[in-house]
Amino acid sequence: MNVSKDKVVSISYELKVNGDLIDSAQADNPLVFLFGHGQLLPLFEDNIKNLSEGDAFEFMIPSKDGYGEVNEQAIVELPKEIFIIDGELQEDLLVIGNRLPMRDSDGNALDGMVVEVTDSSVVMDFNHSLAGQDLYFTGRVENIREATTEEISHGHVHGAGHHH
């Protein structure tokens, strides 16, 4: 059986950026996903398509095909007042490098990183943390199985403890 649309695929992998290990999944606790349903980066799926159980893989995804280039428009200066909660400035949150969950003016959830704090403002970077980075993957296909009709209709893998 090969990695193809509507197959449940289990992989072990390591993701490195600039030689640093960023993420991984081991064979005893693999990443399990429904192939061809947009759960992974398209170029990642392209690189493992048609592999068989036990096959190793190694490839690079350039930043433009991964999480995109850094968008300067996503780096914004916000007034410090928006970090006042119950009349108190949340200084412990305003640490450079800290990632904060926020909402835009339309109520959409955003994840931003504090990049600068001044007396009156906070500069936040709302780019994906891996924007502008080339992604280096190595790994192995651990298992492939047919997806159930329910998994295909729901667009994701069902496992122990999964409930709707």
N, C-alpha and C. Protein backbone atom coordinates (compact mmCIF):
# COMPACT_ATOMS: atom_id res chain seq x y z
N MET A 1 0.85 -1.18 0.00
CA MET A 1 0.00 0.00 0.00
C MET A 1 0.89 1.24 0.00
N ASN A 2 0.48 2.22 -0.79
CA ASN A 2 1.26 3.45 -0.92
C ASN A 2 0.52 4.63 -0.30
N VAL A 3 1.29 5.65 0.07
CA VAL A 3 0.72 6.89 0.56
C VAL A 3 -0.06 7.53 -0.59
N SER A 4 -1.37 7.70 -0.40
CA SER A 4 -2.21 8.29 -1.42
C SER A 4 -3.49 8.83 -0.78
N LYS A 5 -4.30 9.52 -1.57
CA LYS A 5 -5.50 10.17 -1.06
C LYS A 5 -6.38 9.18 -0.29
N ASP A 6 -6.91 9.66 0.83
CA ASP A 6 -7.83 8.92 1.69
C ASP A 6 -7.18 7.74 2.43
N LYS A 7 -5.86 7.75 2.54
CA LYS A 7 -5.16 6.76 3.37
C LYS A 7 -4.81 7.43 4.69
N VAL A 8 -4.87 6.65 5.77
CA VAL A 8 -4.41 7.13 7.07
C VAL A 8 -2.93 6.78 7.16
N VAL A 9 -2.11 7.81 7.29
CA VAL A 9 -0.66 7.65 7.24
C VAL A 9 -0.07 8.01 8.60
N SER A 10 0.84 7.16 9.08
CA SER A 10 1.58 7.43 10.32
C SER A 10 3.04 7.61 9.96
N ILE A 11 3.62 8.73 10.43
CA ILE A 11 5.03 8.98 10.12
C ILE A 11 5.78 9.37 11.39
N SER A 12 7.06 9.01 11.41
CA SER A 12 7.98 9.60 12.39
C SER A 12 8.78 10.62 11.58
N TYR A 13 9.18 11.71 12.23
CA TYR A 13 9.92 12.73 11.48
C TYR A 13 10.68 13.64 12.43
N GLU A 14 11.61 14.38 11.84
CA GLU A 14 12.28 15.50 12.49
C GLU A 14 12.20 16.68 11.55
N LEU A 15 11.89 17.85 12.11
CA LEU A 15 11.89 19.10 11.36
C LEU A 15 13.01 19.95 11.91
N LYS A 16 13.92 20.34 11.01
CA LYS A 16 15.03 21.22 11.41
C LYS A 16 14.97 22.52 10.61
N VAL A 17 15.31 23.60 11.30
CA VAL A 17 15.43 24.92 10.68
C VAL A 17 16.79 25.45 11.08
N ASN A 18 17.60 25.80 10.09
CA ASN A 18 18.96 26.28 10.35
C ASN A 18 19.75 25.31 11.24
N GLY A 19 19.53 24.01 11.06
CA GLY A 19 20.26 23.00 11.82
C GLY A 19 19.70 22.72 13.20
N ASP A 20 18.70 23.50 13.64
CA ASP A 20 18.10 23.30 14.97
C ASP A 20 16.84 22.46 14.87
N LEU A 21 16.71 21.48 15.75
CA LEU A 21 15.51 20.65 15.79
C LEU A 21 14.35 21.48 16.31
N ILE A 22 13.29 21.60 15.51
CA ILE A 22 12.13 22.42 15.83
C ILE A 22 10.96 21.57 16.29
N ASP A 23 10.79 20.40 15.67
CA ASP A 23 9.65 19.54 15.97
C ASP A 23 10.01 18.12 15.57
N SER A 24 9.36 17.15 16.22
CA SER A 24 9.60 15.76 15.86
C SER A 24 8.45 14.89 16.34
N ALA A 25 8.36 13.71 15.77
CA ALA A 25 7.45 12.67 16.22
C ALA A 25 8.21 11.37 16.11
N GLN A 26 8.20 10.59 17.18
CA GLN A 26 8.94 9.33 17.22
C GLN A 26 8.05 8.18 16.73
N ALA A 27 8.67 7.07 16.38
CA ALA A 27 7.94 5.91 15.86
C ALA A 27 6.91 5.38 16.86
N ASP A 28 7.20 5.51 18.16
CA ASP A 28 6.25 5.00 19.16
C ASP A 28 5.09 5.97 19.43
N ASN A 29 5.17 7.17 18.88
CA ASN A 29 4.08 8.15 18.99
C ASN A 29 4.08 9.01 17.71
N PRO A 30 3.76 8.38 16.57
CA PRO A 30 3.91 9.05 15.28
C PRO A 30 2.84 10.11 15.03
N LEU A 31 3.09 10.94 14.02
CA LEU A 31 2.07 11.85 13.51
C LEU A 31 1.15 11.02 12.63
N VAL A 32 -0.14 11.06 12.90
CA VAL A 32 -1.12 10.29 12.14
C VAL A 32 -2.07 11.28 11.47
N PHE A 33 -2.25 11.15 10.18
CA PHE A 33 -3.10 12.11 9.45
C PHE A 33 -3.77 11.44 8.27
N LEU A 34 -4.82 12.08 7.78
CA LEU A 34 -5.55 11.63 6.61
C LEU A 34 -4.95 12.31 5.39
N PHE A 35 -4.30 11.53 4.54
CA PHE A 35 -3.58 12.08 3.40
C PHE A 35 -4.56 12.68 2.38
N GLY A 36 -4.16 13.85 1.83
CA GLY A 36 -4.93 14.47 0.77
C GLY A 36 -6.09 15.33 1.24
N HIS A 37 -6.11 15.67 2.52
CA HIS A 37 -7.21 16.47 3.06
C HIS A 37 -6.73 17.80 3.64
N GLY A 38 -5.54 18.26 3.20
CA GLY A 38 -5.08 19.60 3.56
C GLY A 38 -4.63 19.76 5.00
N GLN A 39 -4.32 18.66 5.69
CA GLN A 39 -3.88 18.76 7.08
C GLN A 39 -2.41 19.13 7.21
N LEU A 40 -1.63 18.86 6.16
CA LEU A 40 -0.21 19.18 6.16
C LEU A 40 0.09 20.12 5.00
N LEU A 41 1.27 20.72 5.03
CA LEU A 41 1.67 21.59 3.92
C LEU A 41 1.58 20.80 2.61
N PRO A 42 1.04 21.42 1.54
CA PRO A 42 0.91 20.70 0.28
C PRO A 42 2.22 20.10 -0.23
N LEU A 43 3.33 20.84 -0.10
CA LEU A 43 4.61 20.33 -0.59
C LEU A 43 5.10 19.16 0.26
N PHE A 44 4.73 19.14 1.56
CA PHE A 44 5.07 17.99 2.40
C PHE A 44 4.37 16.75 1.84
N GLU A 45 3.07 16.86 1.56
CA GLU A 45 2.33 15.72 1.01
C GLU A 45 2.90 15.30 -0.34
N ASP A 46 3.26 16.28 -1.18
CA ASP A 46 3.84 15.94 -2.49
C ASP A 46 5.10 15.10 -2.33
N ASN A 47 5.90 15.39 -1.29
CA ASN A 47 7.18 14.70 -1.11
C ASN A 47 7.03 13.29 -0.54
N ILE A 48 5.90 12.98 0.09
CA ILE A 48 5.76 11.62 0.62
C ILE A 48 4.74 10.79 -0.17
N LYS A 49 4.10 11.41 -1.15
CA LYS A 49 3.11 10.70 -1.96
C LYS A 49 3.76 9.48 -2.62
N ASN A 50 3.05 8.39 -2.62
CA ASN A 50 3.46 7.11 -3.24
C ASN A 50 4.54 6.36 -2.48
N LEU A 51 5.00 6.88 -1.33
CA LEU A 51 5.94 6.09 -0.52
C LEU A 51 5.20 4.90 0.09
N SER A 52 5.96 3.90 0.49
CA SER A 52 5.39 2.70 1.11
C SER A 52 5.78 2.64 2.57
N GLU A 53 5.09 1.80 3.31
CA GLU A 53 5.42 1.59 4.72
C GLU A 53 6.89 1.20 4.84
N GLY A 54 7.60 1.85 5.75
CA GLY A 54 9.02 1.58 5.97
C GLY A 54 9.96 2.47 5.17
N ASP A 55 9.43 3.19 4.16
CA ASP A 55 10.27 4.08 3.35
C ASP A 55 10.72 5.29 4.17
N ALA A 56 11.97 5.67 3.97
CA ALA A 56 12.51 6.87 4.59
C ALA A 56 12.31 8.05 3.64
N PHE A 57 12.26 9.26 4.19
CA PHE A 57 12.18 10.45 3.36
C PHE A 57 13.09 11.54 3.92
N GLU A 58 13.52 12.40 3.02
CA GLU A 58 14.35 13.54 3.38
C GLU A 58 14.15 14.59 2.29
N PHE A 59 13.70 15.78 2.69
CA PHE A 59 13.47 16.84 1.72
C PHE A 59 13.45 18.19 2.42
N MET A 60 13.54 19.24 1.60
CA MET A 60 13.49 20.62 2.09
C MET A 60 12.30 21.31 1.45
N ILE A 61 11.60 22.11 2.27
CA ILE A 61 10.52 22.94 1.75
C ILE A 61 10.98 24.40 1.89
N PRO A 62 11.14 25.10 0.76
CA PRO A 62 11.57 26.50 0.86
C PRO A 62 10.50 27.34 1.55
N SER A 63 10.92 28.41 2.20
CA SER A 63 10.00 29.22 2.99
C SER A 63 8.77 29.66 2.21
N LYS A 64 8.93 30.02 0.94
CA LYS A 64 7.79 30.50 0.16
C LYS A 64 6.71 29.42 0.01
N ASP A 65 7.11 28.14 0.07
CA ASP A 65 6.16 27.03 -0.05
C ASP A 65 5.78 26.45 1.31
N GLY A 66 6.41 26.96 2.37
CA GLY A 66 6.11 26.49 3.72
C GLY A 66 5.13 27.44 4.38
N TYR A 67 5.65 28.29 5.25
CA TYR A 67 4.80 29.24 5.96
C TYR A 67 4.93 30.65 5.41
N GLY A 68 5.50 30.76 4.22
CA GLY A 68 5.59 32.04 3.54
C GLY A 68 6.77 32.87 3.99
N GLU A 69 7.00 33.93 3.23
CA GLU A 69 8.04 34.89 3.58
C GLU A 69 7.53 35.77 4.71
N VAL A 70 8.43 36.44 5.38
CA VAL A 70 8.03 37.37 6.43
C VAL A 70 7.27 38.53 5.77
N ASN A 71 6.07 38.80 6.28
CA ASN A 71 5.24 39.89 5.80
C ASN A 71 5.42 41.08 6.73
N GLU A 72 6.06 42.13 6.24
CA GLU A 72 6.33 43.31 7.07
C GLU A 72 5.04 43.96 7.56
N GLN A 73 3.94 43.78 6.81
CA GLN A 73 2.64 44.33 7.21
C GLN A 73 2.09 43.65 8.46
N ALA A 74 2.62 42.46 8.77
CA ALA A 74 2.15 41.71 9.94
C ALA A 74 2.93 42.07 11.21
N ILE A 75 3.85 43.03 11.08
CA ILE A 75 4.59 43.52 12.24
C ILE A 75 4.00 44.89 12.56
N VAL A 76 3.31 44.98 13.70
CA VAL A 76 2.55 46.20 14.00
C VAL A 76 2.89 46.76 15.37
N GLU A 77 2.77 48.07 15.46
CA GLU A 77 2.98 48.76 16.73
C GLU A 77 1.61 49.02 17.35
N LEU A 78 1.42 48.53 18.56
CA LEU A 78 0.15 48.67 19.25
C LEU A 78 0.31 49.56 20.48
N PRO A 79 -0.72 50.33 20.83
CA PRO A 79 -0.63 51.14 22.05
C PRO A 79 -0.56 50.23 23.27
N LYS A 80 0.28 50.61 24.20
CA LYS A 80 0.48 49.83 25.41
C LYS A 80 -0.82 49.67 26.21
N GLU A 81 -1.74 50.62 26.06
CA GLU A 81 -2.99 50.59 26.82
C GLU A 81 -3.81 49.32 26.58
N ILE A 82 -3.68 48.70 25.39
CA ILE A 82 -4.51 47.51 25.14
C ILE A 82 -4.06 46.33 26.00
N PHE A 83 -2.92 46.45 26.65
CA PHE A 83 -2.44 45.38 27.53
C PHE A 83 -2.79 45.66 29.00
N ILE A 84 -3.68 46.63 29.21
CA ILE A 84 -4.16 46.93 30.57
C ILE A 84 -5.41 46.08 30.81
N ILE A 85 -5.35 45.25 31.83
CA ILE A 85 -6.48 44.41 32.21
C ILE A 85 -6.83 44.73 33.65
N ASP A 86 -8.10 45.01 33.88
CA ASP A 86 -8.58 45.38 35.22
C ASP A 86 -7.75 46.52 35.81
N GLY A 87 -7.44 47.51 34.95
CA GLY A 87 -6.74 48.69 35.41
C GLY A 87 -5.25 48.52 35.62
N GLU A 88 -4.71 47.35 35.27
CA GLU A 88 -3.29 47.09 35.53
C GLU A 88 -2.59 46.61 34.26
N LEU A 89 -1.45 47.24 33.95
CA LEU A 89 -0.65 46.83 32.80
C LEU A 89 -0.07 45.44 33.05
N GLN A 90 -0.27 44.54 32.10
CA GLN A 90 0.19 43.15 32.23
C GLN A 90 1.66 43.02 31.84
N GLU A 91 2.54 43.59 32.68
CA GLU A 91 3.99 43.62 32.40
C GLU A 91 4.56 42.22 32.17
N ASP A 92 4.05 41.23 32.91
CA ASP A 92 4.60 39.87 32.79
C ASP A 92 4.36 39.28 31.40
N LEU A 93 3.38 39.78 30.67
CA LEU A 93 3.13 39.32 29.30
C LEU A 93 4.04 39.99 28.29
N LEU A 94 4.46 41.23 28.61
CA LEU A 94 5.20 42.05 27.66
C LEU A 94 6.70 41.80 27.73
N VAL A 95 7.06 40.55 27.44
CA VAL A 95 8.46 40.12 27.44
C VAL A 95 8.83 39.80 26.00
N ILE A 96 9.94 40.36 25.53
CA ILE A 96 10.37 40.12 24.16
C ILE A 96 10.53 38.61 23.92
N GLY A 97 9.92 38.15 22.82
CA GLY A 97 9.94 36.73 22.48
C GLY A 97 8.71 35.99 22.95
N ASN A 98 7.92 36.59 23.84
CA ASN A 98 6.71 35.97 24.35
C ASN A 98 5.65 35.94 23.24
N ARG A 99 4.97 34.80 23.07
CA ARG A 99 3.88 34.69 22.10
C ARG A 99 2.56 34.87 22.85
N LEU A 100 1.70 35.74 22.30
CA LEU A 100 0.44 36.07 22.95
C LEU A 100 -0.74 35.79 22.02
N PRO A 101 -1.78 35.12 22.53
CA PRO A 101 -2.99 34.97 21.73
C PRO A 101 -3.75 36.30 21.76
N MET A 102 -4.16 36.77 20.60
CA MET A 102 -4.87 38.05 20.50
C MET A 102 -5.99 37.91 19.48
N ARG A 103 -6.77 38.96 19.30
CA ARG A 103 -7.84 38.99 18.29
C ARG A 103 -7.71 40.28 17.48
N ASP A 104 -8.01 40.16 16.18
CA ASP A 104 -8.00 41.36 15.35
C ASP A 104 -9.33 42.09 15.50
N SER A 105 -9.50 43.19 14.77
CA SER A 105 -10.71 44.01 14.91
C SER A 105 -11.98 43.27 14.48
N ASP A 106 -11.83 42.18 13.71
CA ASP A 106 -12.97 41.38 13.29
C ASP A 106 -13.21 40.19 14.22
N GLY A 107 -12.41 40.07 15.27
CA GLY A 107 -12.58 38.98 16.23
C GLY A 107 -11.85 37.70 15.87
N ASN A 108 -11.04 37.73 14.80
CA ASN A 108 -10.28 36.54 14.41
C ASN A 108 -9.10 36.33 15.35
N ALA A 109 -8.86 35.08 15.73
CA ALA A 109 -7.74 34.75 16.62
C ALA A 109 -6.42 34.92 15.88
N LEU A 110 -5.46 35.53 16.55
CA LEU A 110 -4.12 35.72 16.01
C LEU A 110 -3.11 35.33 17.08
N ASP A 111 -1.96 34.90 16.65
CA ASP A 111 -0.87 34.58 17.57
C ASP A 111 0.26 35.55 17.24
N GLY A 112 0.65 36.37 18.21
CA GLY A 112 1.69 37.34 17.94
C GLY A 112 2.84 37.23 18.91
N MET A 113 4.02 37.64 18.46
CA MET A 113 5.20 37.61 19.31
C MET A 113 5.62 39.05 19.63
N VAL A 114 5.92 39.28 20.90
CA VAL A 114 6.39 40.59 21.33
C VAL A 114 7.82 40.76 20.82
N VAL A 115 8.06 41.82 20.03
CA VAL A 115 9.41 42.05 19.51
C VAL A 115 10.06 43.31 20.08
N GLU A 116 9.24 44.24 20.60
CA GLU A 116 9.81 45.45 21.19
C GLU A 116 8.77 46.06 22.13
N VAL A 117 9.25 46.59 23.25
CA VAL A 117 8.38 47.28 24.21
C VAL A 117 9.00 48.65 24.49
N THR A 118 8.19 49.70 24.27
CA THR A 118 8.65 51.06 24.58
C THR A 118 7.78 51.60 25.71
N ASP A 119 7.99 52.87 26.06
CA ASP A 119 7.18 53.49 27.12
C ASP A 119 5.71 53.55 26.75
N SER A 120 5.40 53.69 25.46
CA SER A 120 4.01 53.89 25.06
C SER A 120 3.44 52.82 24.15
N SER A 121 4.30 51.92 23.64
CA SER A 121 3.78 50.96 22.67
C SER A 121 4.47 49.59 22.78
N VAL A 122 3.84 48.64 22.10
CA VAL A 122 4.37 47.28 22.01
C VAL A 122 4.37 46.91 20.53
N VAL A 123 5.52 46.46 20.02
CA VAL A 123 5.60 46.01 18.64
C VAL A 123 5.40 44.49 18.64
N MET A 124 4.39 44.06 17.86
CA MET A 124 4.04 42.64 17.77
C MET A 124 4.26 42.14 16.35
N ASP A 125 4.75 40.91 16.25
CA ASP A 125 4.95 40.25 14.95
C ASP A 125 3.92 39.13 14.84
N PHE A 126 2.98 39.27 13.90
CA PHE A 126 1.91 38.29 13.72
C PHE A 126 2.21 37.30 12.59
N ASN A 127 3.45 37.28 12.09
CA ASN A 127 3.85 36.25 11.12
C ASN A 127 3.88 34.90 11.83
N HIS A 128 3.70 33.82 11.07
CA HIS A 128 3.89 32.48 11.62
C HIS A 128 5.32 32.39 12.14
N SER A 129 5.53 31.67 13.21
CA SER A 129 6.87 31.59 13.80
C SER A 129 7.90 31.00 12.84
N LEU A 130 7.46 30.26 11.82
CA LEU A 130 8.40 29.69 10.85
C LEU A 130 8.38 30.43 9.51
N ALA A 131 7.74 31.59 9.45
CA ALA A 131 7.75 32.39 8.22
C ALA A 131 9.20 32.79 7.91
N GLY A 132 9.53 32.73 6.62
CA GLY A 132 10.87 33.12 6.19
C GLY A 132 11.92 32.04 6.41
N GLN A 133 11.51 30.87 6.87
CA GLN A 133 12.46 29.79 7.18
C GLN A 133 12.29 28.63 6.20
N ASP A 134 13.41 28.09 5.73
CA ASP A 134 13.38 26.84 4.96
C ASP A 134 13.25 25.69 5.94
N LEU A 135 12.40 24.72 5.60
CA LEU A 135 12.08 23.60 6.50
C LEU A 135 12.75 22.32 5.99
N TYR A 136 13.54 21.68 6.84
CA TYR A 136 14.24 20.44 6.47
C TYR A 136 13.62 19.27 7.22
N PHE A 137 13.03 18.35 6.46
CA PHE A 137 12.36 17.19 7.05
C PHE A 137 13.12 15.90 6.76
N THR A 138 13.23 15.05 7.76
CA THR A 138 13.69 13.68 7.58
C THR A 138 12.71 12.81 8.35
N GLY A 139 12.50 11.60 7.88
CA GLY A 139 11.58 10.73 8.60
C GLY A 139 11.35 9.42 7.90
N ARG A 140 10.28 8.76 8.33
CA ARG A 140 9.97 7.42 7.83
C ARG A 140 8.47 7.20 7.88
N VAL A 141 7.95 6.52 6.89
CA VAL A 141 6.54 6.12 6.89
C VAL A 141 6.43 4.89 7.79
N GLU A 142 5.70 5.03 8.88
CA GLU A 142 5.58 3.94 9.86
C GLU A 142 4.43 3.00 9.55
N ASN A 143 3.31 3.58 9.04
CA ASN A 143 2.14 2.75 8.81
C ASN A 143 1.23 3.44 7.80
N ILE A 144 0.52 2.64 7.02
CA ILE A 144 -0.49 3.14 6.09
C ILE A 144 -1.68 2.21 6.20
N ARG A 145 -2.87 2.78 6.31
CA ARG A 145 -4.08 1.97 6.31
C ARG A 145 -5.17 2.69 5.55
N GLU A 146 -6.20 1.94 5.16
CA GLU A 146 -7.36 2.54 4.52
C GLU A 146 -8.10 3.38 5.55
N ALA A 147 -8.58 4.53 5.15
CA ALA A 147 -9.42 5.34 6.03
C ALA A 147 -10.83 4.78 6.02
N THR A 148 -11.53 4.97 7.12
CA THR A 148 -12.93 4.55 7.16
C THR A 148 -13.78 5.57 6.40
N THR A 149 -14.97 5.18 6.02
CA THR A 149 -15.89 6.09 5.34
C THR A 149 -16.16 7.31 6.20
N GLU A 150 -16.30 7.10 7.51
CA GLU A 150 -16.56 8.20 8.43
C GLU A 150 -15.36 9.16 8.49
N GLU A 151 -14.13 8.62 8.54
CA GLU A 151 -12.94 9.48 8.55
C GLU A 151 -12.87 10.33 7.29
N ILE A 152 -13.16 9.72 6.15
CA ILE A 152 -13.12 10.46 4.88
C ILE A 152 -14.19 11.55 4.87
N SER A 153 -15.41 11.22 5.31
CA SER A 153 -16.47 12.23 5.29
C SER A 153 -16.20 13.36 6.28
N HIS A 154 -15.54 13.07 7.39
CA HIS A 154 -15.21 14.10 8.37
C HIS A 154 -13.91 14.83 8.03
N GLY A 155 -13.06 14.23 7.18
CA GLY A 155 -11.83 14.88 6.76
C GLY A 155 -10.69 14.79 7.74
N HIS A 156 -10.79 13.84 8.70
CA HIS A 156 -9.70 13.65 9.66
C HIS A 156 -9.74 12.24 10.24
N VAL A 157 -8.63 11.86 10.87
CA VAL A 157 -8.49 10.53 11.45
C VAL A 157 -9.27 10.45 12.76
N HIS A 158 -9.90 9.34 12.97
CA HIS A 158 -10.56 9.06 14.25
C HIS A 158 -9.71 8.04 15.00
N GLY A 159 -9.60 8.24 16.29
CA GLY A 159 -8.80 7.31 17.10
C GLY A 159 -9.45 7.12 18.44
N ALA A 160 -8.74 6.46 19.32
CA ALA A 160 -9.23 6.22 20.67
C ALA A 160 -9.57 7.56 21.33
N GLY A 161 -10.74 7.63 21.92
CA GLY A 161 -11.12 8.83 22.65
C GLY A 161 -11.63 9.97 21.78
N HIS A 162 -11.76 9.75 20.45
CA HIS A 162 -12.24 10.81 19.57
C HIS A 162 -13.75 10.93 19.69
N HIS A 163 -14.24 12.12 19.92
CA HIS A 163 -15.69 12.35 20.03
C HIS A 163 -16.05 13.61 19.25
N HIS A 164 -17.28 13.64 18.78
CA HIS A 164 -17.80 14.86 18.11
C HIS A 164 -18.76 15.53 19.04
